[in-house]
């Protein structure tokens, strides 16, 4: 990952953490507890989106594998 993406992720995580702390300080603990799983899932999905993607599979068909028949049943 390059430095720009890491910085963006840190800013995003800091914003989510700051929002949660502000809501808790204002007495909205029930709201924070309700939204915490949603926020966690959102952060997880964003982080997953920043992971390097695997190389695309080739469009060529796979080679057929010859089966040996031994004649026993």
C-alpha atoms as a PDB file:
ATOM      1  CA  UNK A   1       0.000   0.000   0.000  1.00  0.00           C
ATOM      2  CA  UNK A   2       1.290   3.435  -0.753  1.00  0.00           C
ATOM      3  CA  UNK A   3       1.588   6.247   1.770  1.00  0.00           C
ATOM      4  CA  UNK A   4      -1.407   8.144   0.441  1.00  0.00           C
ATOM      5  CA  UNK A   5      -3.776   5.222   0.997  1.00  0.00           C
ATOM      6  CA  UNK A   6      -2.438   4.630   4.501  1.00  0.00           C
ATOM      7  CA  UNK A   7      -2.947   8.307   5.350  1.00  0.00           C
ATOM      8  CA  UNK A   8      -6.500   8.193   4.017  1.00  0.00           C
ATOM      9  CA  UNK A   9      -7.272   5.100   6.090  1.00  0.00           C
ATOM     10  CA  UNK A  10      -5.880   6.732   9.230  1.00  0.00           C
ATOM     11  CA  UNK A  11      -7.986   9.846   8.639  1.00  0.00           C
ATOM     12  CA  UNK A  12     -11.100   7.716   8.104  1.00  0.00           C
ATOM     13  CA  UNK A  13     -10.489   5.670  11.253  1.00  0.00           C
ATOM     14  CA  UNK A  14      -9.793   8.849  13.224  1.00  0.00           C
ATOM     15  CA  UNK A  15     -13.048  10.412  12.047  1.00  0.00           C
ATOM     16  CA  UNK A  16     -15.080   7.342  13.046  1.00  0.00           C
ATOM     17  CA  UNK A  17     -13.361   7.175  16.443  1.00  0.00           C
ATOM     18  CA  UNK A  18     -13.815  10.921  17.010  1.00  0.00           C
ATOM     19  CA  UNK A  19     -17.487  10.746  16.120  1.00  0.00           C
ATOM     20  CA  UNK A  20     -18.018   7.880  18.549  1.00  0.00           C
ATOM     21  CA  UNK A  21     -16.211   9.695  21.360  1.00  0.00           C
ATOM     22  CA  UNK A  22     -18.192  12.901  20.741  1.00  0.00           C
ATOM     23  CA  UNK A  23     -21.514  11.065  20.774  1.00  0.00           C
ATOM     24  CA  UNK A  24     -20.585   9.249  23.981  1.00  0.00           C
ATOM     25  CA  UNK A  25     -19.506  12.527  25.613  1.00  0.00           C
ATOM     26  CA  UNK A  26     -22.842  14.109  24.721  1.00  0.00           C
ATOM     27  CA  UNK A  27     -24.699  11.268  26.429  1.00  0.00           C
ATOM     28  CA  UNK A  28     -25.764   9.305  23.368  1.00  0.00           C
ATOM     29  CA  UNK A  29     -24.225   6.050  24.544  1.00  0.00           C
ATOM     30  CA  UNK A  30     -27.267   4.035  23.433  1.00  0.00           C
ATOM     31  CA  UNK A  31     -26.933   5.447  19.921  1.00  0.00           C
ATOM     32  CA  UNK A  32     -23.215   4.669  19.808  1.00  0.00           C
ATOM     33  CA  UNK A  33     -23.878   1.118  21.042  1.00  0.00           C
ATOM     34  CA  UNK A  34     -26.513   0.667  18.340  1.00  0.00           C
ATOM     35  CA  UNK A  35     -24.371   2.029  15.520  1.00  0.00           C
ATOM     36  CA  UNK A  36     -21.037   0.490  16.579  1.00  0.00           C
ATOM     37  CA  UNK A  37     -21.535  -2.772  14.611  1.00  0.00           C
ATOM     38  CA  UNK A  38     -22.540  -0.803  11.509  1.00  0.00           C
ATOM     39  CA  UNK A  39     -19.500   1.440  11.819  1.00  0.00           C
ATOM     40  CA  UNK A  40     -17.258  -1.566  12.347  1.00  0.00           C
ATOM     41  CA  UNK A  41     -18.638  -3.257   9.239  1.00  0.00           C
ATOM     42  CA  UNK A  42     -18.235  -0.068   7.212  1.00  0.00           C
ATOM     43  CA  UNK A  43     -14.604   0.330   8.245  1.00  0.00           C
ATOM     44  CA  UNK A  44     -13.969  -3.353   7.490  1.00  0.00           C
ATOM     45  CA  UNK A  45     -15.439  -3.005   3.998  1.00  0.00           C
ATOM     46  CA  UNK A  46     -13.422   0.142   3.295  1.00  0.00           C
ATOM     47  CA  UNK A  47     -10.225  -1.548   4.444  1.00  0.00           C
ATOM     48  CA  UNK A  48     -10.999  -4.573   2.281  1.00  0.00           C
ATOM     49  CA  UNK A  49     -11.426  -2.269  -0.700  1.00  0.00           C
ATOM     50  CA  UNK A  50      -7.909  -0.905  -0.233  1.00  0.00           C
ATOM     51  CA  UNK A  51      -6.260  -4.333  -0.331  1.00  0.00           C
ATOM     52  CA  UNK A  52      -4.400  -5.152  -3.522  1.00  0.00           C
ATOM     53  CA  UNK A  53      -6.569  -7.123  -5.907  1.00  0.00           C
ATOM     54  CA  UNK A  54      -5.325 -10.459  -7.260  1.00  0.00           C
ATOM     55  CA  UNK A  55      -4.286 -10.638 -10.878  1.00  0.00           C
ATOM     56  CA  UNK A  56      -7.211 -11.334 -13.209  1.00  0.00           C
ATOM     57  CA  UNK A  57      -7.582 -14.899 -14.392  1.00  0.00           C
ATOM     58  CA  UNK A  58      -6.678 -15.577 -17.990  1.00  0.00           C
ATOM     59  CA  UNK A  59      -9.505 -15.915 -20.457  1.00  0.00           C
ATOM     60  CA  UNK A  60      -8.003 -18.981 -22.110  1.00  0.00           C
ATOM     61  CA  UNK A  61      -9.774 -22.267 -21.426  1.00  0.00           C
ATOM     62  CA  UNK A  62      -8.028 -24.750 -19.183  1.00  0.00           C
ATOM     63  CA  UNK A  63      -6.270 -27.654 -20.851  1.00  0.00           C
ATOM     64  CA  UNK A  64      -8.147 -30.930 -20.730  1.00  0.00           C
ATOM     65  CA  UNK A  65      -6.647 -33.552 -18.451  1.00  0.00           C
ATOM     66  CA  UNK A  66      -6.441 -37.053 -19.921  1.00  0.00           C
ATOM     67  CA  UNK A  67      -7.809 -39.778 -17.668  1.00  0.00           C
ATOM     68  CA  UNK A  68      -6.239 -43.157 -17.556  1.00  0.00           C
ATOM     69  CA  UNK A  69      -8.608 -46.082 -17.636  1.00  0.00           C
ATOM     70  CA  UNK A  70      -7.177 -49.209 -16.104  1.00  0.00           C
ATOM     71  CA  UNK A  71      -9.992 -51.479 -17.186  1.00  0.00           C
ATOM     72  CA  UNK A  72     -10.790 -52.802 -13.671  1.00  0.00           C
ATOM     73  CA  UNK A  73     -14.261 -52.519 -12.308  1.00  0.00           C
END
